[in-house]
C-alpha atoms as a PDB file:
ATOM      1  CA  MET A   1      90.176  89.135 111.893  1.00  0.00           C
ATOM      2  CA  SER A   2      90.672  91.157 108.748  1.00  0.00           C
ATOM      3  CA  LEU A   3      93.681  93.349 108.061  1.00  0.00           C
ATOM      4  CA  SER A   4      93.040  97.055 108.469  1.00  0.00           C
ATOM      5  CA  TRP A   5      95.365  99.935 107.673  1.00  0.00           C
ATOM      6  CA  ASN A   6      95.351 103.714 107.905  1.00  0.00           C
ATOM      7  CA  PHE A   7      97.350 106.402 106.082  1.00  0.00           C
ATOM      8  CA  THR A   8      95.829 109.303 108.067  1.00  0.00           C
ATOM      9  CA  ASP A   9      99.124 110.133 109.784  1.00  0.00           C
ATOM     10  CA  CYS A  10     101.219 109.923 106.591  1.00  0.00           C
ATOM     11  CA  PRO A  11     102.391 113.383 105.518  1.00  0.00           C
ATOM     12  CA  ASP A  12     102.053 112.384 101.848  1.00  0.00           C
ATOM     13  CA  SER A  13      99.054 110.055 102.058  1.00  0.00           C
ATOM     14  CA  THR A  14      97.781 111.114  98.617  1.00  0.00           C
ATOM     15  CA  THR A  15     100.979 109.873  96.978  1.00  0.00           C
ATOM     16  CA  CYS A  16     100.879 106.638  98.993  1.00  0.00           C
ATOM     17  CA  ARG A  17      97.414 105.917  97.600  1.00  0.00           C
ATOM     18  CA  SER A  18      98.158 107.073  94.029  1.00  0.00           C
ATOM     19  CA  LYS A  19      97.837 104.682  91.113  1.00  0.00           C
ATOM     20  CA  THR A  20     101.609 104.373  90.702  1.00  0.00           C
ATOM     21  CA  GLU A  21     102.431 103.978  94.412  1.00  0.00           C
ATOM     22  CA  TRP A  22      99.470 101.840  95.487  1.00  0.00           C
ATOM     23  CA  PRO A  23     101.083  98.480  94.559  1.00  0.00           C
ATOM     24  CA  VAL A  24     104.068  99.356  96.749  1.00  0.00           C
ATOM     25  CA  SER A  25     101.797 100.558  99.571  1.00  0.00           C
ATOM     26  CA  GLN A  26      99.763  97.371  99.370  1.00  0.00           C
ATOM     27  CA  ALA A  27     102.902  95.216  99.486  1.00  0.00           C
ATOM     28  CA  ILE A  28     104.143  97.100 102.548  1.00  0.00           C
ATOM     29  CA  ILE A  29     100.791  96.728 104.304  1.00  0.00           C
ATOM     30  CA  TRP A  30     100.819  92.945 103.828  1.00  0.00           C
ATOM     31  CA  LEU A  31     104.509  92.650 104.673  1.00  0.00           C
ATOM     32  CA  LEU A  32     104.016  94.545 107.936  1.00  0.00           C
ATOM     33  CA  LEU A  33     101.546  91.818 108.865  1.00  0.00           C
ATOM     34  CA  ALA A  34     104.014  89.088 107.846  1.00  0.00           C
ATOM     35  CA  VAL A  35     106.956  90.557 109.757  1.00  0.00           C
ATOM     36  CA  GLY A  36     105.063  91.698 112.850  1.00  0.00           C
ATOM     37  CA  VAL A  37     105.579  95.461 112.701  1.00  0.00           C
ATOM     38  CA  PRO A  38     102.196  97.200 113.052  1.00  0.00           C
ATOM     39  CA  ARG A  39     103.231 100.780 112.295  1.00  0.00           C
ATOM     40  CA  LEU A  40     105.815 102.994 110.627  1.00  0.00           C
ATOM     41  CA  LYS A  41     105.810 105.855 113.112  1.00  0.00           C
ATOM     42  CA  THR A  42     109.392 106.295 114.318  1.00  0.00           C
ATOM     43  CA  ASP A  43     112.834 105.872 112.759  1.00  0.00           C
ATOM     44  CA  ASP A  44     113.214 102.746 114.898  1.00  0.00           C
ATOM     45  CA  ASP A  45     109.929 101.316 113.545  1.00  0.00           C
ATOM     46  CA  ILE A  46     111.047 101.965 109.978  1.00  0.00           C
ATOM     47  CA  ARG A  47     114.527 100.487 110.505  1.00  0.00           C
ATOM     48  CA  GLU A  48     113.103  97.363 112.165  1.00  0.00           C
ATOM     49  CA  ALA A  49     110.467  96.916 109.458  1.00  0.00           C
ATOM     50  CA  TYR A  50     113.097  97.339 106.744  1.00  0.00           C
ATOM     51  CA  ARG A  51     115.443  94.837 108.392  1.00  0.00           C
ATOM     52  CA  ARG A  52     112.677  92.255 108.746  1.00  0.00           C
ATOM     53  CA  ILE A  53     111.318  92.827 105.236  1.00  0.00           C
ATOM     54  CA  GLN A  54     114.829  92.386 103.795  1.00  0.00           C
ATOM     55  CA  ALA A  55     115.184  89.054 105.616  1.00  0.00           C
ATOM     56  CA  TYR A  56     111.708  87.934 104.577  1.00  0.00           C
ATOM     57  CA  GLU A  57     112.286  88.831 100.917  1.00  0.00           C
ATOM     58  CA  ARG A  58     115.656  87.052 100.876  1.00  0.00           C
ATOM     59  CA  VAL A  59     113.923  83.862 101.933  1.00  0.00           C
ATOM     60  CA  ARG A  60     110.636  84.183 100.022  1.00  0.00           C
ATOM     61  CA  GLY A  61     111.584  86.475  97.125  1.00  0.00           C
ATOM     62  CA  ASN A  62     110.677  90.054  96.336  1.00  0.00           C
ATOM     63  CA  TRP A  63     107.055  90.798  97.119  1.00  0.00           C
ATOM     64  CA  LEU A  64     106.814  93.092  94.089  1.00  0.00           C
ATOM     65  CA  GLY A  65     108.513  90.553  91.839  1.00  0.00           C
ATOM     66  CA  ASP A  66     110.627  92.902  89.748  1.00  0.00           C
ATOM     67  CA  ARG A  67     112.234  94.845  92.584  1.00  0.00           C
ATOM     68  CA  ALA A  68     112.913  94.791  96.293  1.00  0.00           C
ATOM     69  CA  LEU A  69     111.337  97.298  98.643  1.00  0.00           C
ATOM     70  CA  THR A  70     113.650 100.123  99.682  1.00  0.00           C
ATOM     71  CA  MET A  71     114.110 102.234 102.789  1.00  0.00           C
ATOM     72  CA  ASP A  72     112.737 105.162 100.738  1.00  0.00           C
ATOM     73  CA  ASP A  73     109.537 103.167 100.113  1.00  0.00           C
ATOM     74  CA  LEU A  74     109.072 102.812 103.860  1.00  0.00           C
ATOM     75  CA  GLN A  75     110.063 106.416 104.624  1.00  0.00           C
ATOM     76  CA  LEU A  76     107.399 107.691 102.188  1.00  0.00           C
ATOM     77  CA  ARG A  77     104.810 105.764 104.198  1.00  0.00           C
ATOM     78  CA  ARG A  78     105.878 107.098 107.622  1.00  0.00           C
ATOM     79  CA  GLY A  79     102.738 107.223 109.762  1.00  0.00           C
ATOM     80  CA  LEU A  80     101.145 104.118 108.210  1.00  0.00           C
ATOM     81  CA  ARG A  81      99.330 102.032 110.833  1.00  0.00           C
ATOM     82  CA  THR A  82      97.949  98.505 110.594  1.00  0.00           C
ATOM     83  CA  ASN A  83      96.267  96.143 113.015  1.00  0.00           C
ATOM     84  CA  ALA A  84      99.113  93.630 112.630  1.00  0.00           C
ATOM     85  CA  THR A  85     100.243  91.962 115.829  1.00  0.00           C
ATOM     86  CA  ARG A  86     103.662  93.131 117.013  1.00  0.00           C
ATOM     87  CA  ILE A  87     106.208  90.314 117.050  1.00  0.00           C
ATOM     88  CA  THR A  88     109.107  90.697 119.505  1.00  0.00           C
ATOM     89  CA  PRO A  89     112.639  90.560 118.080  1.00  0.00           C
ATOM     90  CA  ALA A  90     113.229  87.124 119.635  1.00  0.00           C
ATOM     91  CA  ALA A  91     109.955  85.755 118.254  1.00  0.00           C
ATOM     92  CA  TRP A  92     110.786  87.241 114.828  1.00  0.00           C
ATOM     93  CA  GLU A  93     114.171  85.505 114.785  1.00  0.00           C
ATOM     94  CA  ARG A  94     112.486  82.181 115.564  1.00  0.00           C
ATOM     95  CA  LYS A  95     109.842  82.798 112.896  1.00  0.00           C
ATOM     96  CA  ILE A  96     112.287  83.737 110.124  1.00  0.00           C
ATOM     97  CA  GLY A  97     114.448  80.756 111.100  1.00  0.00           C
ATOM     98  CA  ARG A  98     111.466  78.412 110.694  1.00  0.00           C
ATOM     99  CA  ILE A  99     110.590  80.020 107.347  1.00  0.00           C
ATOM    100  CA  LEU A 100     114.180  79.559 106.164  1.00  0.00           C
ATOM    101  CA  MET A 101     114.278  75.927 107.261  1.00  0.00           C
ATOM    102  CA  ASP A 102     110.949  75.239 105.508  1.00  0.00           C
ATOM    103  CA  GLU A 103     112.436  76.595 102.272  1.00  0.00           C
ATOM    104  CA  LEU A 104     115.412  74.179 102.337  1.00  0.00           C
END
């Protein structure tokens, strides 16, 4: 299955797809797949995605290389949807634990 995403519900979708913001948008799209959060619709979705992305980047390094993703990056993309499979909090904790142990 291929990854699909949609900015239709983003209030500022033009900015999210702009030349300067597209690398950040693309990183977030792929990270949502990696951390098991399929959408950025509610404050809870955004907080959970941010928490998981922070953990993932601490283990694997910053996705963008020169900087970490911020809460503002995610807030700008409120409404973004992907076809990523939702991972429960318990399953996420097991997954990030395995990733951490593989890095040691």
